[in-house]
Amino acid sequence: MDSFFTAIRSLGVRRGPHRMLAGVCGGLADRFGVSPWLVRLLFVLSLVLPGSGVVVYGIAWILLPDENGVIPLQRSLTR
């Protein structure tokens, strides 16, 4: 299981310091070098389109590490 979390960390996407909720949009913006507001706008637009934007955001939140490299899912599984 540790290799799974190591692979996630190696993607280079972290929940960023530009947080409004969980930092997923800010982390993606930092990784791809775009404005956090653009990523937030795209996320809001994904909510009105058919699909499951909220589910994807939730999955990203539990799988993406924060600035310290802590992944919420890994932390909850190791307790």
N, C-alpha and C. Protein backbone atom coordinates (compact mmCIF):
# COMPACT_ATOMS: atom_id res chain seq x y z
N MET A 1 0.82 -1.19 0.00
CA MET A 1 0.00 0.00 0.00
C MET A 1 0.87 1.26 0.00
N ASP A 2 2.04 1.17 0.62
CA ASP A 2 2.93 2.34 0.64
C ASP A 2 3.39 2.73 -0.75
N SER A 3 3.55 1.76 -1.64
CA SER A 3 3.98 2.09 -3.00
C SER A 3 2.89 2.90 -3.73
N PHE A 4 1.62 2.64 -3.41
CA PHE A 4 0.52 3.41 -3.99
C PHE A 4 0.62 4.87 -3.57
N PHE A 5 0.83 5.12 -2.28
CA PHE A 5 0.92 6.50 -1.79
C PHE A 5 2.21 7.18 -2.26
N THR A 6 3.28 6.42 -2.41
CA THR A 6 4.52 6.96 -2.96
C THR A 6 4.31 7.40 -4.41
N ALA A 7 3.56 6.60 -5.17
CA ALA A 7 3.27 6.95 -6.56
C ALA A 7 2.44 8.23 -6.64
N ILE A 8 1.50 8.38 -5.74
CA ILE A 8 0.69 9.61 -5.71
C ILE A 8 1.57 10.82 -5.42
N ARG A 9 2.47 10.68 -4.44
CA ARG A 9 3.37 11.80 -4.11
C ARG A 9 4.27 12.15 -5.29
N SER A 10 4.64 11.16 -6.08
CA SER A 10 5.57 11.41 -7.19
C SER A 10 4.90 12.16 -8.35
N LEU A 11 3.59 12.29 -8.35
CA LEU A 11 2.90 13.05 -9.40
C LEU A 11 3.23 14.53 -9.35
N GLY A 12 3.64 15.01 -8.20
CA GLY A 12 4.00 16.42 -8.07
C GLY A 12 2.81 17.34 -7.82
N VAL A 13 1.65 16.78 -7.52
CA VAL A 13 0.48 17.59 -7.21
C VAL A 13 0.25 17.52 -5.71
N ARG A 14 0.20 18.68 -5.09
CA ARG A 14 -0.08 18.77 -3.66
C ARG A 14 -1.22 19.73 -3.44
N ARG A 15 -2.00 19.47 -2.40
CA ARG A 15 -3.04 20.42 -2.05
C ARG A 15 -2.32 21.69 -1.61
N GLY A 16 -2.51 22.74 -2.36
CA GLY A 16 -1.68 23.92 -2.25
C GLY A 16 -2.03 24.89 -1.15
N PRO A 17 -1.19 25.89 -1.03
CA PRO A 17 -1.38 26.93 -0.01
C PRO A 17 -2.50 27.89 -0.38
N HIS A 18 -2.95 27.86 -1.64
CA HIS A 18 -4.03 28.75 -2.09
C HIS A 18 -5.37 28.07 -1.82
N ARG A 19 -5.69 27.87 -0.55
CA ARG A 19 -6.86 27.09 -0.17
C ARG A 19 -8.10 27.95 0.02
N MET A 20 -9.21 27.39 -0.42
CA MET A 20 -10.51 27.95 -0.06
C MET A 20 -11.27 26.87 0.71
N LEU A 21 -11.20 25.63 0.24
CA LEU A 21 -11.82 24.51 0.95
C LEU A 21 -10.73 23.53 1.36
N ALA A 22 -10.42 22.60 0.49
CA ALA A 22 -9.42 21.59 0.82
C ALA A 22 -8.09 21.80 0.11
N GLY A 23 -8.02 22.76 -0.80
CA GLY A 23 -6.78 23.06 -1.49
C GLY A 23 -6.53 22.30 -2.76
N VAL A 24 -7.52 21.52 -3.21
CA VAL A 24 -7.33 20.72 -4.42
C VAL A 24 -7.15 21.62 -5.65
N CYS A 25 -8.02 22.60 -5.82
CA CYS A 25 -7.91 23.49 -6.99
C CYS A 25 -6.60 24.29 -6.95
N GLY A 26 -6.22 24.76 -5.76
CA GLY A 26 -4.97 25.49 -5.62
C GLY A 26 -3.76 24.63 -5.93
N GLY A 27 -3.81 23.38 -5.50
CA GLY A 27 -2.71 22.45 -5.79
C GLY A 27 -2.59 22.14 -7.26
N LEU A 28 -3.73 21.93 -7.92
CA LEU A 28 -3.70 21.69 -9.36
C LEU A 28 -3.20 22.92 -10.11
N ALA A 29 -3.62 24.09 -9.66
CA ALA A 29 -3.17 25.34 -10.29
C ALA A 29 -1.66 25.50 -10.16
N ASP A 30 -1.12 25.23 -8.97
CA ASP A 30 0.33 25.32 -8.77
C ASP A 30 1.07 24.34 -9.67
N ARG A 31 0.56 23.13 -9.78
CA ARG A 31 1.22 22.08 -10.56
C ARG A 31 1.29 22.45 -12.04
N PHE A 32 0.20 23.03 -12.56
CA PHE A 32 0.13 23.31 -13.99
C PHE A 32 0.42 24.76 -14.34
N GLY A 33 0.75 25.57 -13.32
CA GLY A 33 1.18 26.94 -13.56
C GLY A 33 0.08 27.86 -14.06
N VAL A 34 -1.13 27.66 -13.57
CA VAL A 34 -2.25 28.53 -13.94
C VAL A 34 -2.82 29.17 -12.68
N SER A 35 -3.72 30.11 -12.87
CA SER A 35 -4.33 30.81 -11.75
C SER A 35 -5.26 29.88 -10.97
N PRO A 36 -5.20 29.92 -9.64
CA PRO A 36 -6.14 29.11 -8.85
C PRO A 36 -7.59 29.46 -9.16
N TRP A 37 -7.86 30.71 -9.50
CA TRP A 37 -9.23 31.11 -9.82
C TRP A 37 -9.72 30.45 -11.10
N LEU A 38 -8.84 30.24 -12.07
CA LEU A 38 -9.22 29.56 -13.29
C LEU A 38 -9.62 28.11 -12.99
N VAL A 39 -8.83 27.45 -12.17
CA VAL A 39 -9.13 26.06 -11.82
C VAL A 39 -10.44 26.00 -11.03
N ARG A 40 -10.64 26.95 -10.12
CA ARG A 40 -11.90 26.99 -9.36
C ARG A 40 -13.09 27.21 -10.28
N LEU A 41 -12.93 28.09 -11.26
CA LEU A 41 -14.00 28.34 -12.22
C LEU A 41 -14.32 27.08 -13.01
N LEU A 42 -13.29 26.40 -13.46
CA LEU A 42 -13.51 25.14 -14.20
C LEU A 42 -14.19 24.11 -13.32
N PHE A 43 -13.84 24.07 -12.04
CA PHE A 43 -14.50 23.13 -11.12
C PHE A 43 -15.97 23.48 -10.97
N VAL A 44 -16.29 24.76 -10.79
CA VAL A 44 -17.69 25.17 -10.65
C VAL A 44 -18.46 24.84 -11.92
N LEU A 45 -17.84 25.06 -13.07
CA LEU A 45 -18.50 24.70 -14.33
C LEU A 45 -18.73 23.19 -14.42
N SER A 46 -17.81 22.41 -13.87
CA SER A 46 -17.99 20.96 -13.91
C SER A 46 -19.16 20.51 -13.04
N LEU A 47 -19.54 21.34 -12.07
CA LEU A 47 -20.68 20.99 -11.23
C LEU A 47 -22.00 21.09 -11.97
N VAL A 48 -22.09 22.01 -12.94
CA VAL A 48 -23.34 22.17 -13.67
C VAL A 48 -23.44 21.22 -14.86
N LEU A 49 -22.35 20.64 -15.27
CA LEU A 49 -22.38 19.66 -16.35
C LEU A 49 -22.76 18.30 -15.77
N PRO A 50 -23.34 17.45 -16.59
CA PRO A 50 -23.64 16.10 -16.10
C PRO A 50 -22.35 15.39 -15.71
N GLY A 51 -22.37 14.77 -14.60
CA GLY A 51 -21.19 14.08 -14.11
C GLY A 51 -21.11 14.20 -12.62
N SER A 52 -19.96 13.92 -12.10
CA SER A 52 -19.81 13.89 -10.65
C SER A 52 -18.59 14.70 -10.21
N GLY A 53 -18.61 16.01 -10.45
CA GLY A 53 -17.50 16.88 -10.08
C GLY A 53 -17.22 16.86 -8.59
N VAL A 54 -18.27 16.78 -7.77
CA VAL A 54 -18.08 16.76 -6.32
C VAL A 54 -17.40 15.47 -5.88
N VAL A 55 -17.75 14.37 -6.49
CA VAL A 55 -17.14 13.08 -6.15
C VAL A 55 -15.66 13.09 -6.52
N VAL A 56 -15.35 13.61 -7.70
CA VAL A 56 -13.95 13.68 -8.14
C VAL A 56 -13.15 14.58 -7.20
N TYR A 57 -13.73 15.71 -6.80
CA TYR A 57 -13.07 16.62 -5.87
C TYR A 57 -12.81 15.91 -4.53
N GLY A 58 -13.79 15.19 -4.04
CA GLY A 58 -13.62 14.46 -2.78
C GLY A 58 -12.54 13.40 -2.85
N ILE A 59 -12.50 12.69 -3.96
CA ILE A 59 -11.45 11.68 -4.13
C ILE A 59 -10.08 12.34 -4.19
N ALA A 60 -9.98 13.47 -4.92
CA ALA A 60 -8.71 14.19 -5.00
C ALA A 60 -8.30 14.68 -3.61
N TRP A 61 -9.26 15.13 -2.81
CA TRP A 61 -8.94 15.64 -1.48
C TRP A 61 -8.36 14.54 -0.60
N ILE A 62 -8.91 13.33 -0.65
CA ILE A 62 -8.38 12.28 0.23
C ILE A 62 -7.11 11.65 -0.30
N LEU A 63 -6.81 11.83 -1.61
CA LEU A 63 -5.62 11.21 -2.18
C LEU A 63 -4.44 12.14 -2.38
N LEU A 64 -4.67 13.44 -2.51
CA LEU A 64 -3.55 14.36 -2.75
C LEU A 64 -2.88 14.75 -1.44
N PRO A 65 -1.55 14.74 -1.42
CA PRO A 65 -0.84 15.15 -0.20
C PRO A 65 -0.91 16.66 0.00
N ASP A 66 -0.77 17.08 1.26
CA ASP A 66 -0.71 18.51 1.55
C ASP A 66 0.74 18.97 1.39
N GLU A 67 1.03 20.20 1.82
CA GLU A 67 2.38 20.75 1.65
C GLU A 67 3.44 19.94 2.39
N ASN A 68 3.03 19.23 3.45
CA ASN A 68 3.98 18.43 4.23
C ASN A 68 4.08 16.99 3.73
N GLY A 69 3.35 16.67 2.66
CA GLY A 69 3.39 15.32 2.11
C GLY A 69 2.43 14.35 2.79
N VAL A 70 1.54 14.85 3.64
CA VAL A 70 0.60 13.99 4.36
C VAL A 70 -0.64 13.76 3.49
N ILE A 71 -0.96 12.48 3.25
CA ILE A 71 -2.14 12.11 2.48
C ILE A 71 -3.23 11.70 3.48
N PRO A 72 -4.41 12.37 3.45
CA PRO A 72 -5.45 12.07 4.44
C PRO A 72 -5.86 10.59 4.48
N LEU A 73 -5.99 9.93 3.33
CA LEU A 73 -6.37 8.52 3.33
C LEU A 73 -5.32 7.66 3.99
N GLN A 74 -4.06 7.92 3.70
CA GLN A 74 -2.98 7.13 4.30
C GLN A 74 -2.95 7.35 5.81
N ARG A 75 -3.13 8.59 6.24
CA ARG A 75 -3.14 8.90 7.67
C ARG A 75 -4.27 8.16 8.37
N SER A 76 -5.45 8.13 7.76
CA SER A 76 -6.57 7.45 8.39
C SER A 76 -6.42 5.94 8.40
N LEU A 77 -5.75 5.39 7.41
CA LEU A 77 -5.54 3.95 7.37
C LEU A 77 -4.46 3.48 8.35
N THR A 78 -3.53 4.34 8.70
CA THR A 78 -2.42 3.94 9.58
C THR A 78 -2.72 4.23 11.05
N ARG A 79 -3.86 4.80 11.34
CA ARG A 79 -4.20 5.05 12.75
C ARG A 79 -4.63 3.81 13.43
